[in-house]
Amino acid sequence: QAQFVESGGGLVQPGGSLRVSCAVSGFAISSYAMGWYRQAPGKEREFVAKITTDDRSYYLTSVEGRFTISRDNDKNTLYLQMNSLKSTDTAVYFCNIIQWPRPWGDLWGQGTQVTVSS
């Protein structure tokens, strides 16, 4: 069974940086394109970034140039480096595979809260 454990969120001032992590178990992330998603209060979950199996990356337009997705296949962990954070980046951040339907359906981790505020 897939399991996602996101961590590294917190409170940061506008313009600051954070790196969030997603430790995965139950499957090898090297076998899938992986993605970060976020859900802001009162909004639907949205795609933020993805990294393919050959390490090509793609981003939501509003985060391009500020966020960097990466993976450590040996640690089976996905990362999202977030720089120049804005209040509009405030959300709970989740990771999952990009493929749909997923073998485990609509299973998600608990997410990690990122709050950008002065």
Protein backbone atom coordinates (compact mmCIF):
# COMPACT_ATOMS: atom_id res chain seq x y z
CA GLN A 1 0.00 0.00 0.00
CA ALA A 2 1.37 3.40 -0.94
CA GLN A 3 2.15 5.80 1.88
CA PHE A 4 3.14 9.44 1.66
CA VAL A 5 4.63 11.37 4.59
CA GLU A 6 5.07 15.06 3.84
CA SER A 7 7.18 17.27 6.11
CA GLY A 8 9.14 20.50 6.25
CA GLY A 9 6.34 23.03 6.15
CA GLY A 10 6.04 25.99 8.48
CA LEU A 11 5.53 29.70 8.84
CA VAL A 12 7.75 31.89 6.67
CA GLN A 13 7.78 35.57 5.79
CA PRO A 14 7.09 36.75 2.24
CA GLY A 15 10.26 36.39 0.21
CA GLY A 16 11.52 33.54 2.34
CA SER A 17 12.35 29.94 1.47
CA LEU A 18 11.32 26.47 2.57
CA ARG A 19 12.07 22.96 1.42
CA VAL A 20 9.34 20.38 1.84
CA SER A 21 9.90 16.65 1.63
CA CYS A 22 7.75 13.63 0.88
CA ALA A 23 8.95 10.26 2.09
CA VAL A 24 7.26 7.52 0.11
CA SER A 25 6.81 3.84 0.93
CA GLY A 26 4.99 1.04 -0.81
CA PHE A 27 6.41 1.68 -4.27
CA ALA A 28 9.57 3.00 -5.91
CA ILE A 29 9.29 6.64 -6.94
CA SER A 30 11.85 5.96 -9.66
CA SER A 31 9.12 4.09 -11.54
CA TYR A 32 6.70 7.02 -11.75
CA ALA A 33 6.44 10.65 -12.69
CA MET A 34 5.96 12.34 -9.32
CA GLY A 35 4.18 15.53 -8.46
CA TRP A 36 3.55 18.12 -5.79
CA TYR A 37 0.06 19.47 -5.28
CA ARG A 38 -1.39 22.05 -2.89
CA GLN A 39 -4.71 22.96 -1.41
CA ALA A 40 -5.43 26.43 -0.10
CA PRO A 41 -8.31 27.11 2.31
CA GLY A 42 -11.63 27.00 0.50
CA LYS A 43 -10.05 25.91 -2.79
CA GLU A 44 -9.61 22.66 -4.65
CA ARG A 45 -6.30 20.84 -4.71
CA GLU A 46 -4.13 22.03 -7.59
CA PHE A 47 -1.06 20.80 -9.41
CA VAL A 48 2.19 22.61 -8.53
CA ALA A 49 5.08 20.71 -10.11
CA LYS A 50 6.04 17.38 -11.58
CA ILE A 51 9.25 15.48 -12.32
CA THR A 52 9.36 12.73 -14.88
CA THR A 53 11.21 9.44 -14.63
CA ASP A 54 14.00 10.99 -16.71
CA ASP A 55 14.10 14.07 -14.46
CA ARG A 56 12.35 16.60 -16.67
CA SER A 57 10.41 19.07 -14.57
CA TYR A 58 7.28 21.11 -15.20
CA TYR A 59 5.64 23.78 -13.07
CA LEU A 60 2.46 25.71 -12.46
CA THR A 61 3.01 29.03 -14.19
CA SER A 62 2.73 31.02 -10.99
CA VAL A 63 5.60 29.12 -9.31
CA GLU A 64 7.94 28.71 -12.29
CA GLY A 65 11.34 30.20 -11.54
CA ARG A 66 10.70 30.14 -7.78
CA PHE A 67 10.10 26.44 -7.03
CA THR A 68 12.31 23.47 -7.86
CA ILE A 69 11.18 19.85 -7.71
CA SER A 70 13.71 17.07 -7.21
CA ARG A 71 13.88 13.44 -6.19
CA ASP A 72 16.27 11.12 -4.37
CA ASN A 73 15.48 7.66 -5.65
CA ASP A 74 17.83 6.01 -3.15
CA LYS A 75 15.89 7.59 -0.28
CA ASN A 76 12.57 7.20 -2.10
CA THR A 77 11.90 10.84 -1.28
CA LEU A 78 10.54 13.77 -3.27
CA TYR A 79 11.46 17.38 -2.54
CA LEU A 80 10.15 20.83 -3.36
CA GLN A 81 12.45 23.80 -2.84
CA MET A 82 10.38 26.97 -2.59
CA ASN A 83 12.03 30.37 -2.86
CA SER A 84 10.65 33.91 -3.00
CA LEU A 85 7.52 32.72 -1.28
CA LYS A 86 4.33 34.75 -1.57
CA SER A 87 1.18 34.82 0.53
CA THR A 88 -0.61 33.14 -2.36
CA ASP A 89 1.62 30.09 -1.83
CA THR A 90 -0.05 29.46 1.53
CA ALA A 91 -1.56 25.98 1.37
CA VAL A 92 -1.22 22.39 2.48
CA TYR A 93 1.28 20.67 0.20
CA PHE A 94 0.91 17.02 -0.87
CA CYS A 95 2.81 14.63 -3.11
CA ASN A 96 1.59 11.79 -5.28
CA ILE A 97 2.23 10.17 -8.63
CA ILE A 98 1.06 12.04 -11.71
CA GLN A 99 -0.59 9.03 -13.37
CA TRP A 100 -4.38 8.76 -13.19
CA PRO A 101 -6.06 6.58 -12.33
CA ARG A 102 -3.67 5.71 -9.54
CA PRO A 103 -3.25 2.09 -8.41
CA TRP A 104 -4.29 3.20 -4.91
CA GLY A 105 -7.14 5.42 -5.96
CA ASP A 106 -7.58 8.75 -4.18
CA LEU A 107 -5.11 8.02 -1.36
CA TRP A 108 -3.08 10.98 -0.10
CA GLY A 109 -0.79 11.72 2.81
CA GLN A 110 -1.60 14.21 5.54
CA GLY A 111 0.23 17.00 3.76
CA THR A 112 2.45 19.69 5.22
CA GLN A 113 1.18 23.20 5.97
CA VAL A 114 3.06 26.11 4.41
CA THR A 115 2.02 29.53 5.66
CA VAL A 116 3.52 32.67 4.14
CA SER A 117 2.78 35.69 6.29
CA SER A 118 4.48 38.65 7.87
